[in-house]
PDB file of N, CA and C in Angstrom:
ATOM      1  N   MET A   1       0.756  -1.280   0.160  1.00  0.00           N
ATOM      2  CA  MET A   1       0.130   0.063   0.083  1.00  0.00           C
ATOM      3  C   MET A   1       0.819   1.159  -0.022  1.00  0.00           C
ATOM      4  N   ILE A   2       0.426   2.215  -0.686  1.00  0.00           N
ATOM      5  CA  ILE A   2       1.270   3.614  -0.797  1.00  0.00           C
ATOM      6  C   ILE A   2       0.245   4.593  -0.590  1.00  0.00           C
ATOM      7  N   ARG A   3       0.595   5.499   0.353  1.00  0.00           N
ATOM      8  CA  ARG A   3      -0.122   6.632   0.551  1.00  0.00           C
ATOM      9  C   ARG A   3       0.494   7.908   0.474  1.00  0.00           C
ATOM     10  N   GLY A   4      -0.066   9.007   0.067  1.00  0.00           N
ATOM     11  CA  GLY A   4       0.565  10.311  -0.042  1.00  0.00           C
ATOM     12  C   GLY A   4       1.424  10.679  -1.269  1.00  0.00           C
ATOM     13  N   THR A   5       1.243   9.763  -2.085  1.00  0.00           N
ATOM     14  CA  THR A   5       2.317  10.208  -3.295  1.00  0.00           C
ATOM     15  C   THR A   5       1.542  11.244  -4.263  1.00  0.00           C
ATOM     16  N   ALA A   6       2.231  11.925  -5.015  1.00  0.00           N
ATOM     17  CA  ALA A   6       1.807  12.797  -5.774  1.00  0.00           C
ATOM     18  C   ALA A   6       2.415  12.423  -7.183  1.00  0.00           C
ATOM     19  N   GLN A   7       1.456  12.379  -8.234  1.00  0.00           N
ATOM     20  CA  GLN A   7       1.965  11.937  -9.624  1.00  0.00           C
ATOM     21  C   GLN A   7       1.363  13.020 -10.552  1.00  0.00           C
ATOM     22  N   ASN A   8       2.244  13.320 -11.449  1.00  0.00           N
ATOM     23  CA  ASN A   8       1.830  14.359 -12.531  1.00  0.00           C
ATOM     24  C   ASN A   8       0.806  13.446 -13.749  1.00  0.00           C
ATOM     25  N   PRO A   9      -0.060  13.895 -14.246  1.00  0.00           N
ATOM     26  CA  PRO A   9      -0.858  13.301 -15.172  1.00  0.00           C
ATOM     27  C   PRO A   9      -0.244  12.209 -16.093  1.00  0.00           C
ATOM     28  N   ASP A  10       0.878  12.505 -16.496  1.00  0.00           N
ATOM     29  CA  ASP A  10       1.454  11.526 -17.615  1.00  0.00           C
ATOM     30  C   ASP A  10       1.941  10.283 -16.786  1.00  0.00           C
ATOM     31  N   VAL A  11       2.602  10.415 -15.647  1.00  0.00           N
ATOM     32  CA  VAL A  11       2.916   9.335 -14.780  1.00  0.00           C
ATOM     33  C   VAL A  11       1.678   8.501 -14.243  1.00  0.00           C
ATOM     34  N   PHE A  12       0.703   9.183 -13.977  1.00  0.00           N
ATOM     35  CA  PHE A  12      -0.664   8.554 -13.453  1.00  0.00           C
ATOM     36  C   PHE A  12      -0.995   7.652 -14.704  1.00  0.00           C
ATOM     37  N   PHE A  13      -1.139   8.357 -15.884  1.00  0.00           N
ATOM     38  CA  PHE A  13      -1.828   7.691 -17.041  1.00  0.00           C
ATOM     39  C   PHE A  13      -0.689   6.323 -17.432  1.00  0.00           C
ATOM     40  N   GLN A  14       0.447   6.413 -17.377  1.00  0.00           N
ATOM     41  CA  GLN A  14       1.293   5.452 -17.463  1.00  0.00           C
ATOM     42  C   GLN A  14       0.927   4.146 -16.431  1.00  0.00           C
ATOM     43  N   ALA A  15       0.878   4.536 -15.454  1.00  0.00           N
ATOM     44  CA  ALA A  15       0.533   3.573 -14.153  1.00  0.00           C
ATOM     45  C   ALA A  15      -0.796   2.789 -14.593  1.00  0.00           C
ATOM     46  N   ARG A  16      -1.913   3.536 -14.915  1.00  0.00           N
ATOM     47  CA  ARG A  16      -3.222   3.072 -15.228  1.00  0.00           C
ATOM     48  C   ARG A  16      -3.143   2.191 -16.457  1.00  0.00           C
ATOM     49  N   GLU A  17      -2.400   2.566 -17.426  1.00  0.00           N
ATOM     50  CA  GLU A  17      -2.388   1.776 -18.727  1.00  0.00           C
ATOM     51  C   GLU A  17      -1.508   0.426 -18.403  1.00  0.00           C
ATOM     52  N   ALA A  18      -0.538   0.463 -17.598  1.00  0.00           N
ATOM     53  CA  ALA A  18       0.164  -0.649 -17.127  1.00  0.00           C
ATOM     54  C   ALA A  18      -0.693  -1.736 -16.400  1.00  0.00           C
ATOM     55  N   CYS A  19      -1.959  -1.311 -15.870  1.00  0.00           N
ATOM     56  CA  CYS A  19      -2.786  -2.249 -15.199  1.00  0.00           C
ATOM     57  C   CYS A  19      -3.845  -2.844 -16.139  1.00  0.00           C
ATOM     58  N   GLN A  20      -4.069  -2.342 -17.210  1.00  0.00           N
ATOM     59  CA  GLN A  20      -5.040  -2.499 -18.299  1.00  0.00           C
ATOM     60  C   GLN A  20      -5.091  -3.969 -18.686  1.00  0.00           C
ATOM     61  N   PRO A  21      -4.073  -4.733 -18.951  1.00  0.00           N
ATOM     62  CA  PRO A  21      -3.902  -6.123 -19.326  1.00  0.00           C
ATOM     63  C   PRO A  21      -4.639  -6.980 -18.340  1.00  0.00           C
ATOM     64  N   TYR A  22      -4.474  -6.585 -16.940  1.00  0.00           N
ATOM     65  CA  TYR A  22      -4.910  -7.499 -15.908  1.00  0.00           C
ATOM     66  C   TYR A  22      -6.364  -7.141 -15.765  1.00  0.00           C
ATOM     67  N   TYR A  23      -6.832  -5.901 -16.002  1.00  0.00           N
ATOM     68  CA  TYR A  23      -8.366  -5.675 -15.847  1.00  0.00           C
ATOM     69  C   TYR A  23      -9.031  -6.521 -17.138  1.00  0.00           C
ATOM     70  N   GLU A  24      -8.295  -6.466 -18.143  1.00  0.00           N
ATOM     71  CA  GLU A  24      -9.027  -7.247 -19.438  1.00  0.00           C
ATOM     72  C   GLU A  24      -9.013  -8.587 -19.244  1.00  0.00           C
ATOM     73  N   ALA A  25      -7.965  -9.423 -18.598  1.00  0.00           N
ATOM     74  CA  ALA A  25      -7.993 -10.709 -18.359  1.00  0.00           C
ATOM     75  C   ALA A  25      -8.816 -11.262 -17.191  1.00  0.00           C
ATOM     76  N   CYS A  26      -9.356 -10.245 -16.272  1.00  0.00           N
ATOM     77  CA  CYS A  26     -10.058 -10.749 -15.042  1.00  0.00           C
ATOM     78  C   CYS A  26     -11.256 -11.402 -15.409  1.00  0.00           C
ATOM     79  N   PRO A  27     -12.381 -10.891 -16.254  1.00  0.00           N
ATOM     80  CA  PRO A  27     -13.399 -11.797 -16.334  1.00  0.00           C
ATOM     81  C   PRO A  27     -13.023 -13.153 -16.950  1.00  0.00           C
ATOM     82  N   ALA A  28     -12.155 -13.488 -17.589  1.00  0.00           N
ATOM     83  CA  ALA A  28     -11.897 -14.778 -18.003  1.00  0.00           C
ATOM     84  C   ALA A  28     -11.397 -15.760 -16.912  1.00  0.00           C
ATOM     85  N   VAL A  29     -10.553 -14.998 -16.103  1.00  0.00           N
ATOM     86  CA  VAL A  29      -9.989 -15.712 -14.894  1.00  0.00           C
ATOM     87  C   VAL A  29     -11.216 -15.905 -13.858  1.00  0.00           C
ATOM     88  N   VAL A  30     -12.171 -14.998 -13.558  1.00  0.00           N
ATOM     89  CA  VAL A  30     -13.169 -15.339 -12.772  1.00  0.00           C
ATOM     90  C   VAL A  30     -13.937 -16.398 -13.321  1.00  0.00           C
ATOM     91  N   GLN A  31     -14.535 -16.518 -14.652  1.00  0.00           N
ATOM     92  CA  GLN A  31     -15.193 -17.475 -15.091  1.00  0.00           C
ATOM     93  C   GLN A  31     -14.443 -18.831 -15.023  1.00  0.00           C
ATOM     94  N   ASP A  32     -13.152 -18.815 -15.148  1.00  0.00           N
ATOM     95  CA  ASP A  32     -12.318 -20.206 -14.977  1.00  0.00           C
ATOM     96  C   ASP A  32     -12.558 -20.588 -13.688  1.00  0.00           C
ATOM     97  N   VAL A  33     -12.697 -19.655 -12.688  1.00  0.00           N
ATOM     98  CA  VAL A  33     -12.735 -20.086 -11.163  1.00  0.00           C
ATOM     99  C   VAL A  33     -14.094 -20.654 -10.876  1.00  0.00           C
ATOM    100  N   PHE A  34     -15.181 -19.730 -11.517  1.00  0.00           N
ATOM    101  CA  PHE A  34     -16.633 -20.307 -11.427  1.00  0.00           C
ATOM    102  C   PHE A  34     -16.687 -21.755 -12.009  1.00  0.00           C
ATOM    103  N   ASP A  35     -16.111 -21.967 -13.109  1.00  0.00           N
ATOM    104  CA  ASP A  35     -16.032 -23.318 -13.753  1.00  0.00           C
ATOM    105  C   ASP A  35     -15.595 -24.432 -12.800  1.00  0.00           C
ATOM    106  N   ARG A  36     -14.508 -24.106 -12.269  1.00  0.00           N
ATOM    107  CA  ARG A  36     -13.866 -25.075 -11.299  1.00  0.00           C
ATOM    108  C   ARG A  36     -14.429 -25.247  -9.951  1.00  0.00           C
ATOM    109  N   PHE A  37     -15.092 -24.289  -9.630  1.00  0.00           N
ATOM    110  CA  PHE A  37     -16.148 -24.407  -8.362  1.00  0.00           C
ATOM    111  C   PHE A  37     -17.222 -25.354  -8.905  1.00  0.00           C
ATOM    112  N   ALA A  38     -17.617 -25.105 -10.126  1.00  0.00           N
ATOM    113  CA  ALA A  38     -19.006 -25.921 -10.548  1.00  0.00           C
ATOM    114  C   ALA A  38     -18.611 -27.477 -10.548  1.00  0.00           C
ATOM    115  N   GLN A  39     -17.440 -27.725 -11.076  1.00  0.00           N
ATOM    116  CA  GLN A  39     -17.092 -28.927 -11.267  1.00  0.00           C
ATOM    117  C   GLN A  39     -16.756 -29.778  -9.748  1.00  0.00           C
ATOM    118  N   ARG A  40     -16.513 -28.962  -8.656  1.00  0.00           N
ATOM    119  CA  ARG A  40     -16.200 -29.485  -7.433  1.00  0.00           C
ATOM    120  C   ARG A  40     -17.803 -29.595  -6.656  1.00  0.00           C
ATOM    121  N   THR A  41     -18.483 -28.593  -6.808  1.00  0.00           N
ATOM    122  CA  THR A  41     -19.628 -28.566  -5.906  1.00  0.00           C
ATOM    123  C   THR A  41     -20.953 -28.866  -6.727  1.00  0.00           C
ATOM    124  N   GLY A  42     -20.959 -28.677  -8.167  1.00  0.00           N
ATOM    125  CA  GLY A  42     -22.245 -28.854  -8.809  1.00  0.00           C
ATOM    126  C   GLY A  42     -23.171 -27.598  -9.025  1.00  0.00           C
ATOM    127  N   ARG A  43     -22.490 -26.555  -8.339  1.00  0.00           N
ATOM    128  CA  ARG A  43     -23.432 -25.182  -8.495  1.00  0.00           C
ATOM    129  C   ARG A  43     -22.471 -24.369  -9.518  1.00  0.00           C
ATOM    130  N   ALA A  44     -23.231 -24.022 -10.570  1.00  0.00           N
ATOM    131  CA  ALA A  44     -22.535 -23.212 -11.583  1.00  0.00           C
ATOM    132  C   ALA A  44     -22.924 -21.814 -11.507  1.00  0.00           C
ATOM    133  N   TYR A  45     -21.896 -21.185 -11.775  1.00  0.00           N
ATOM    134  CA  TYR A  45     -21.908 -19.658 -11.730  1.00  0.00           C
ATOM    135  C   TYR A  45     -21.479 -19.096 -13.091  1.00  0.00           C
ATOM    136  N   HIS A  46     -21.943 -17.896 -13.455  1.00  0.00           N
ATOM    137  CA  HIS A  46     -21.485 -17.320 -14.871  1.00  0.00           C
ATOM    138  C   HIS A  46     -21.259 -15.899 -14.487  1.00  0.00           C
ATOM    139  N   LEU A  47     -20.589 -15.186 -15.437  1.00  0.00           N
ATOM    140  CA  LEU A  47     -20.474 -13.769 -15.383  1.00  0.00           C
ATOM    141  C   LEU A  47     -21.704 -12.996 -15.350  1.00  0.00           C
ATOM    142  N   PHE A  48     -22.799 -13.508 -16.145  1.00  0.00           N
ATOM    143  CA  PHE A  48     -24.214 -13.039 -16.233  1.00  0.00           C
ATOM    144  C   PHE A  48     -25.070 -14.163 -16.149  1.00  0.00           C
ATOM    145  N   ASP A  49     -25.909 -14.177 -15.209  1.00  0.00           N
ATOM    146  CA  ASP A  49     -27.077 -15.278 -15.316  1.00  0.00           C
ATOM    147  C   ASP A  49     -28.322 -14.651 -16.052  1.00  0.00           C
ATOM    148  N   TYR A  50     -28.697 -15.412 -17.024  1.00  0.00           N
ATOM    149  CA  TYR A  50     -30.033 -15.025 -17.881  1.00  0.00           C
ATOM    150  C   TYR A  50     -31.166 -15.928 -17.444  1.00  0.00           C
ATOM    151  N   THR A  51     -32.257 -15.231 -17.353  1.00  0.00           N
ATOM    152  CA  THR A  51     -33.678 -16.073 -17.226  1.00  0.00           C
ATOM    153  C   THR A  51     -34.537 -15.389 -18.292  1.00  0.00           C
ATOM    154  N   GLY A  52     -35.268 -16.269 -18.904  1.00  0.00           N
ATOM    155  CA  GLY A  52     -36.270 -15.674 -19.811  1.00  0.00           C
ATOM    156  C   GLY A  52     -36.442 -16.379 -21.301  1.00  0.00           C
ATOM    157  N   HIS A  53     -36.968 -15.655 -22.128  1.00  0.00           N
ATOM    158  CA  HIS A  53     -37.170 -16.328 -23.572  1.00  0.00           C
ATOM    159  C   HIS A  53     -35.785 -16.525 -24.142  1.00  0.00           C
ATOM    160  N   PRO A  54     -35.494 -17.680 -24.839  1.00  0.00           N
ATOM    161  CA  PRO A  54     -34.168 -17.724 -25.440  1.00  0.00           C
ATOM    162  C   PRO A  54     -33.784 -16.642 -26.384  1.00  0.00           C
ATOM    163  N   ALA A  55     -34.618 -16.011 -27.141  1.00  0.00           N
ATOM    164  CA  ALA A  55     -34.422 -15.058 -28.154  1.00  0.00           C
ATOM    165  C   ALA A  55     -35.166 -13.666 -27.528  1.00  0.00           C
ATOM    166  N   ALA A  56     -35.142 -13.193 -26.410  1.00  0.00           N
ATOM    167  CA  ALA A  56     -35.742 -12.175 -25.883  1.00  0.00           C
ATOM    168  C   ALA A  56     -35.358 -10.798 -26.653  1.00  0.00           C
ATOM    169  N   GLU A  57     -36.400 -10.165 -26.945  1.00  0.00           N
ATOM    170  CA  GLU A  57     -36.218  -8.737 -27.504  1.00  0.00           C
ATOM    171  C   GLU A  57     -36.276  -7.627 -26.510  1.00  0.00           C
ATOM    172  N   ARG A  58     -36.784  -7.859 -25.352  1.00  0.00           N
ATOM    173  CA  ARG A  58     -36.743  -6.867 -24.225  1.00  0.00           C
ATOM    174  C   ARG A  58     -36.261  -7.650 -23.164  1.00  0.00           C
ATOM    175  N   VAL A  59     -35.199  -6.808 -22.462  1.00  0.00           N
ATOM    176  CA  VAL A  59     -34.501  -7.389 -21.247  1.00  0.00           C
ATOM    177  C   VAL A  59     -34.289  -6.265 -20.235  1.00  0.00           C
ATOM    178  N   ILE A  60     -34.340  -6.751 -19.035  1.00  0.00           N
ATOM    179  CA  ILE A  60     -34.007  -5.930 -17.974  1.00  0.00           C
ATOM    180  C   ILE A  60     -32.868  -6.566 -17.406  1.00  0.00           C
ATOM    181  N   VAL A  61     -31.709  -5.587 -17.047  1.00  0.00           N
ATOM    182  CA  VAL A  61     -30.607  -5.826 -16.346  1.00  0.00           C
ATOM    183  C   VAL A  61     -30.964  -5.641 -14.815  1.00  0.00           C
ATOM    184  N   ALA A  62     -30.771  -6.691 -13.979  1.00  0.00           N
ATOM    185  CA  ALA A  62     -31.068  -6.252 -12.458  1.00  0.00           C
ATOM    186  C   ALA A  62     -30.175  -7.019 -11.675  1.00  0.00           C
ATOM    187  N   MET A  63     -29.991  -6.606 -10.662  1.00  0.00           N
ATOM    188  CA  MET A  63     -29.290  -7.461  -9.514  1.00  0.00           C
ATOM    189  C   MET A  63     -29.661  -7.141  -8.147  1.00  0.00           C
ATOM    190  N   GLY A  64     -29.242  -7.930  -7.088  1.00  0.00           N
ATOM    191  CA  GLY A  64     -29.546  -7.782  -5.771  1.00  0.00           C
ATOM    192  C   GLY A  64     -31.052  -8.333  -5.422  1.00  0.00           C
ATOM    193  N   SER A  65     -31.578  -7.965  -4.250  1.00  0.00           N
ATOM    194  CA  SER A  65     -32.742  -8.651  -3.877  1.00  0.00           C
ATOM    195  C   SER A  65     -33.929  -8.464  -4.950  1.00  0.00           C
ATOM    196  N   GLY A  66     -34.087  -7.378  -5.649  1.00  0.00           N
ATOM    197  CA  GLY A  66     -35.240  -7.105  -6.558  1.00  0.00           C
ATOM    198  C   GLY A  66     -35.067  -7.982  -7.742  1.00  0.00           C
ATOM    199  N   ALA A  67     -33.831  -8.516  -7.934  1.00  0.00           N
ATOM    200  CA  ALA A  67     -33.769  -9.404  -9.294  1.00  0.00           C
ATOM    201  C   ALA A  67     -34.600 -10.674  -9.349  1.00  0.00           C
ATOM    202  N   GLU A  68     -34.485 -11.190  -8.061  1.00  0.00           N
ATOM    203  CA  GLU A  68     -35.394 -12.614  -8.269  1.00  0.00           C
ATOM    204  C   GLU A  68     -36.992 -12.450  -8.442  1.00  0.00           C
ATOM    205  N   THR A  69     -37.565 -11.199  -8.021  1.00  0.00           N
ATOM    206  CA  THR A  69     -38.798 -10.838  -8.409  1.00  0.00           C
ATOM    207  C   THR A  69     -38.980 -10.577  -9.905  1.00  0.00           C
ATOM    208  N   VAL A  70     -38.081  -9.859 -10.434  1.00  0.00           N
ATOM    209  CA  VAL A  70     -38.044  -9.751 -11.793  1.00  0.00           C
ATOM    210  C   VAL A  70     -37.934 -11.031 -12.610  1.00  0.00           C
ATOM    211  N   ARG A  71     -36.933 -11.825 -12.243  1.00  0.00           N
ATOM    212  CA  ARG A  71     -36.615 -13.090 -12.934  1.00  0.00           C
ATOM    213  C   ARG A  71     -38.040 -13.992 -12.781  1.00  0.00           C
ATOM    214  N   GLU A  72     -38.657 -13.991 -11.715  1.00  0.00           N
ATOM    215  CA  GLU A  72     -39.942 -14.725 -11.817  1.00  0.00           C
ATOM    216  C   GLU A  72     -40.904 -14.098 -12.636  1.00  0.00           C
ATOM    217  N   ALA A  73     -41.123 -13.045 -12.852  1.00  0.00           N
ATOM    218  CA  ALA A  73     -42.042 -12.169 -13.631  1.00  0.00           C
ATOM    219  C   ALA A  73     -41.666 -12.646 -15.176  1.00  0.00           C
ATOM    220  N   ALA A  74     -40.433 -12.411 -15.470  1.00  0.00           N
ATOM    221  CA  ALA A  74     -39.808 -12.962 -16.811  1.00  0.00           C
ATOM    222  C   ALA A  74     -40.274 -14.303 -17.104  1.00  0.00           C
ATOM    223  N   ARG A  75     -39.979 -15.239 -16.191  1.00  0.00           N
ATOM    224  CA  ARG A  75     -40.339 -16.651 -16.241  1.00  0.00           C
ATOM    225  C   ARG A  75     -41.828 -16.709 -16.954  1.00  0.00           C
ATOM    226  N   TRP A  76     -42.695 -16.200 -15.999  1.00  0.00           N
ATOM    227  CA  TRP A  76     -44.086 -16.122 -16.407  1.00  0.00           C
ATOM    228  C   TRP A  76     -44.428 -15.658 -17.586  1.00  0.00           C
ATOM    229  N   LEU A  77     -43.937 -14.417 -17.967  1.00  0.00           N
ATOM    230  CA  LEU A  77     -44.278 -13.644 -19.423  1.00  0.00           C
ATOM    231  C   LEU A  77     -43.526 -14.465 -20.275  1.00  0.00           C
ATOM    232  N   ALA A  78     -42.486 -15.236 -20.214  1.00  0.00           N
ATOM    233  CA  ALA A  78     -41.946 -15.910 -21.313  1.00  0.00           C
ATOM    234  C   ALA A  78     -42.851 -17.226 -21.722  1.00  0.00           C
ATOM    235  N   GLN A  79     -43.274 -17.844 -20.539  1.00  0.00           N
ATOM    236  CA  GLN A  79     -44.268 -18.961 -20.715  1.00  0.00           C
ATOM    237  C   GLN A  79     -45.461 -18.647 -21.346  1.00  0.00           C
ATOM    238  N   HIS A  80     -45.910 -17.327 -21.320  1.00  0.00           N
ATOM    239  CA  HIS A  80     -47.164 -16.813 -22.012  1.00  0.00           C
ATOM    240  C   HIS A  80     -46.747 -16.078 -23.345  1.00  0.00           C
ATOM    241  N   GLY A  81     -45.483 -16.441 -23.898  1.00  0.00           N
ATOM    242  CA  GLY A  81     -45.371 -16.019 -25.356  1.00  0.00           C
ATOM    243  C   GLY A  81     -44.557 -14.766 -25.493  1.00  0.00           C
ATOM    244  N   GLU A  82     -44.292 -14.138 -24.281  1.00  0.00           N
ATOM    245  CA  GLU A  82     -43.550 -12.678 -24.499  1.00  0.00           C
ATOM    246  C   GLU A  82     -42.211 -12.935 -24.507  1.00  0.00           C
ATOM    247  N   LYS A  83     -41.484 -12.308 -25.544  1.00  0.00           N
ATOM    248  CA  LYS A  83     -40.104 -12.364 -25.571  1.00  0.00           C
ATOM    249  C   LYS A  83     -39.356 -11.483 -24.729  1.00  0.00           C
ATOM    250  N   VAL A  84     -39.146 -11.826 -23.470  1.00  0.00           N
ATOM    251  CA  VAL A  84     -38.765 -10.968 -22.386  1.00  0.00           C
ATOM    252  C   VAL A  84     -37.525 -11.784 -21.580  1.00  0.00           C
ATOM    253  N   GLY A  85     -36.683 -11.105 -21.037  1.00  0.00           N
ATOM    254  CA  GLY A  85     -35.668 -11.842 -20.260  1.00  0.00           C
ATOM    255  C   GLY A  85     -34.859 -10.913 -19.260  1.00  0.00           C
ATOM    256  N   VAL A  86     -34.141 -11.303 -18.362  1.00  0.00           N
ATOM    257  CA  VAL A  86     -33.577 -10.748 -17.244  1.00  0.00           C
ATOM    258  C   VAL A  86     -32.031 -11.254 -17.418  1.00  0.00           C
ATOM    259  N   ILE A  87     -31.030 -10.248 -17.304  1.00  0.00           N
ATOM    260  CA  ILE A  87     -29.828 -10.425 -17.245  1.00  0.00           C
ATOM    261  C   ILE A  87     -29.280  -9.993 -15.774  1.00  0.00           C
ATOM    262  N   SER A  88     -28.659 -10.791 -15.075  1.00  0.00           N
ATOM    263  CA  SER A  88     -28.217 -10.514 -13.698  1.00  0.00           C
ATOM    264  C   SER A  88     -26.728 -10.701 -13.530  1.00  0.00           C
ATOM    265  N   PRO A  89     -25.923  -9.519 -13.692  1.00  0.00           N
ATOM    266  CA  PRO A  89     -24.430  -9.548 -13.639  1.00  0.00           C
ATOM    267  C   PRO A  89     -23.920 -10.116 -12.294  1.00  0.00           C
ATOM    268  N   ASN A  90     -22.851 -10.911 -12.230  1.00  0.00           N
ATOM    269  CA  ASN A  90     -22.222 -11.533 -11.160  1.00  0.00           C
ATOM    270  C   ASN A  90     -20.921 -10.853 -10.758  1.00  0.00           C
ATOM    271  N   ILE A  91     -20.455 -10.018 -11.940  1.00  0.00           N
ATOM    272  CA  ILE A  91     -19.171  -9.413 -11.690  1.00  0.00           C
ATOM    273  C   ILE A  91     -19.380  -7.996 -12.318  1.00  0.00           C
ATOM    274  N   LEU A  92     -18.893  -6.837 -11.643  1.00  0.00           N
ATOM    275  CA  LEU A  92     -19.147  -5.674 -12.054  1.00  0.00           C
ATOM    276  C   LEU A  92     -17.786  -4.788 -12.434  1.00  0.00           C
ATOM    277  N   ARG A  93     -16.898  -5.152 -11.537  1.00  0.00           N
ATOM    278  CA  ARG A  93     -15.572  -4.526 -11.921  1.00  0.00           C
ATOM    279  C   ARG A  93     -14.546  -5.299 -11.973  1.00  0.00           C
ATOM    280  N   PRO A  94     -13.874  -5.562 -12.893  1.00  0.00           N
ATOM    281  CA  PRO A  94     -14.090  -4.666 -14.263  1.00  0.00           C
ATOM    282  C   PRO A  94     -15.069  -5.393 -14.910  1.00  0.00           C
ATOM    283  N   PHE A  95     -16.073  -4.610 -15.487  1.00  0.00           N
ATOM    284  CA  PHE A  95     -17.153  -5.021 -16.333  1.00  0.00           C
ATOM    285  C   PHE A  95     -16.848  -5.664 -17.601  1.00  0.00           C
ATOM    286  N   PRO A  96     -17.335  -6.820 -17.783  1.00  0.00           N
ATOM    287  CA  PRO A  96     -16.975  -7.834 -18.903  1.00  0.00           C
ATOM    288  C   PRO A  96     -17.930  -7.143 -20.131  1.00  0.00           C
ATOM    289  N   SER A  97     -17.344  -6.077 -20.661  1.00  0.00           N
ATOM    290  CA  SER A  97     -18.276  -5.633 -21.788  1.00  0.00           C
ATOM    291  C   SER A  97     -18.593  -6.512 -23.001  1.00  0.00           C
ATOM    292  N   ALA A  98     -17.639  -7.245 -23.423  1.00  0.00           N
ATOM    293  CA  ALA A  98     -17.637  -8.198 -24.622  1.00  0.00           C
ATOM    294  C   ALA A  98     -18.702  -9.157 -24.290  1.00  0.00           C
ATOM    295  N   GLU A  99     -18.754  -9.714 -23.039  1.00  0.00           N
ATOM    296  CA  GLU A  99     -19.784 -10.664 -22.554  1.00  0.00           C
ATOM    297  C   GLU A  99     -21.161 -10.316 -22.555  1.00  0.00           C
ATOM    298  N   PHE A 100     -21.182  -9.057 -22.119  1.00  0.00           N
ATOM    299  CA  PHE A 100     -22.543  -8.417 -21.915  1.00  0.00           C
ATOM    300  C   PHE A 100     -23.154  -8.088 -23.132  1.00  0.00           C
ATOM    301  N   ARG A 101     -22.212  -7.657 -24.175  1.00  0.00           N
ATOM    302  CA  ARG A 101     -22.762  -7.469 -25.501  1.00  0.00           C
ATOM    303  C   ARG A 101     -23.188  -8.723 -26.192  1.00  0.00           C
ATOM    304  N   ALA A 102     -22.669  -9.868 -25.989  1.00  0.00           N
ATOM    305  CA  ALA A 102     -22.990 -11.080 -26.509  1.00  0.00           C
ATOM    306  C   ALA A 102     -24.297 -11.681 -25.810  1.00  0.00           C
ATOM    307  N   ALA A 103     -24.320 -11.332 -24.495  1.00  0.00           N
ATOM    308  CA  ALA A 103     -25.798 -11.681 -23.788  1.00  0.00           C
ATOM    309  C   ALA A 103     -26.795 -10.863 -24.465  1.00  0.00           C
ATOM    310  N   LEU A 104     -26.683  -9.744 -24.980  1.00  0.00           N
ATOM    311  CA  LEU A 104     -27.651  -8.877 -25.590  1.00  0.00           C
ATOM    312  C   LEU A 104     -27.930  -8.925 -27.078  1.00  0.00           C
ATOM    313  N   ARG A 105     -27.363 -10.016 -27.583  1.00  0.00           N
ATOM    314  CA  ARG A 105     -27.384 -10.196 -29.239  1.00  0.00           C
ATOM    315  C   ARG A 105     -28.835 -10.271 -29.548  1.00  0.00           C
ATOM    316  N   HIS A 106     -29.885 -10.546 -29.167  1.00  0.00           N
ATOM    317  CA  HIS A 106     -31.154 -10.721 -29.695  1.00  0.00           C
ATOM    318  C   HIS A 106     -32.007  -9.556 -29.232  1.00  0.00           C
ATOM    319  N   VAL A 107     -31.638  -8.730 -28.489  1.00  0.00           N
ATOM    320  CA  VAL A 107     -32.251  -7.531 -27.612  1.00  0.00           C
ATOM    321  C   VAL A 107     -32.553  -6.299 -28.437  1.00  0.00           C
ATOM    322  N   LYS A 108     -33.846  -5.851 -28.534  1.00  0.00           N
ATOM    323  CA  LYS A 108     -33.997  -4.659 -29.198  1.00  0.00           C
ATOM    324  C   LYS A 108     -34.150  -3.530 -28.364  1.00  0.00           C
ATOM    325  N   GLY A 109     -34.456  -3.720 -27.082  1.00  0.00           N
ATOM    326  CA  GLY A 109     -34.498  -2.810 -25.869  1.00  0.00           C
ATOM    327  C   GLY A 109     -34.063  -3.350 -24.472  1.00  0.00           C
ATOM    328  N   ALA A 110     -33.627  -2.474 -23.742  1.00  0.00           N
ATOM    329  CA  ALA A 110     -33.111  -2.896 -22.576  1.00  0.00           C
ATOM    330  C   ALA A 110     -33.276  -1.938 -21.382  1.00  0.00           C
ATOM    331  N   THR A 111     -33.369  -2.198 -20.184  1.00  0.00           N
ATOM    332  CA  THR A 111     -33.467  -1.133 -19.030  1.00  0.00           C
ATOM    333  C   THR A 111     -32.801  -1.686 -18.093  1.00  0.00           C
ATOM    334  N   VAL A 112     -32.144  -0.999 -17.210  1.00  0.00           N
ATOM    335  CA  VAL A 112     -31.293  -1.412 -16.004  1.00  0.00           C
ATOM    336  C   VAL A 112     -31.868  -0.749 -14.682  1.00  0.00           C
TER     337      VAL A 112
END
């Protein structure tokens, strides 16, 4: 831990850029750990959990205690022909943008 340092913008930027490869690799590392955990316990986790119609056109991105209620509503609506779904992120920082875009490939509209 370092406290009380002063850096000019150019040095700060270089330090932030040096960290970038680790941030970019983090989602894949987390998913690998999730996969190994699933092999040992049988409980699977993913960067994003999806519930709803397989080709949802409308999606809600939700997490926390309210997400379970939204997922239940999406299940019911999907069973009744609505093309809706819910995406619940399990990792926020660094945010896995590429995986998030892939999860939204069929979506015409989303709300968070």
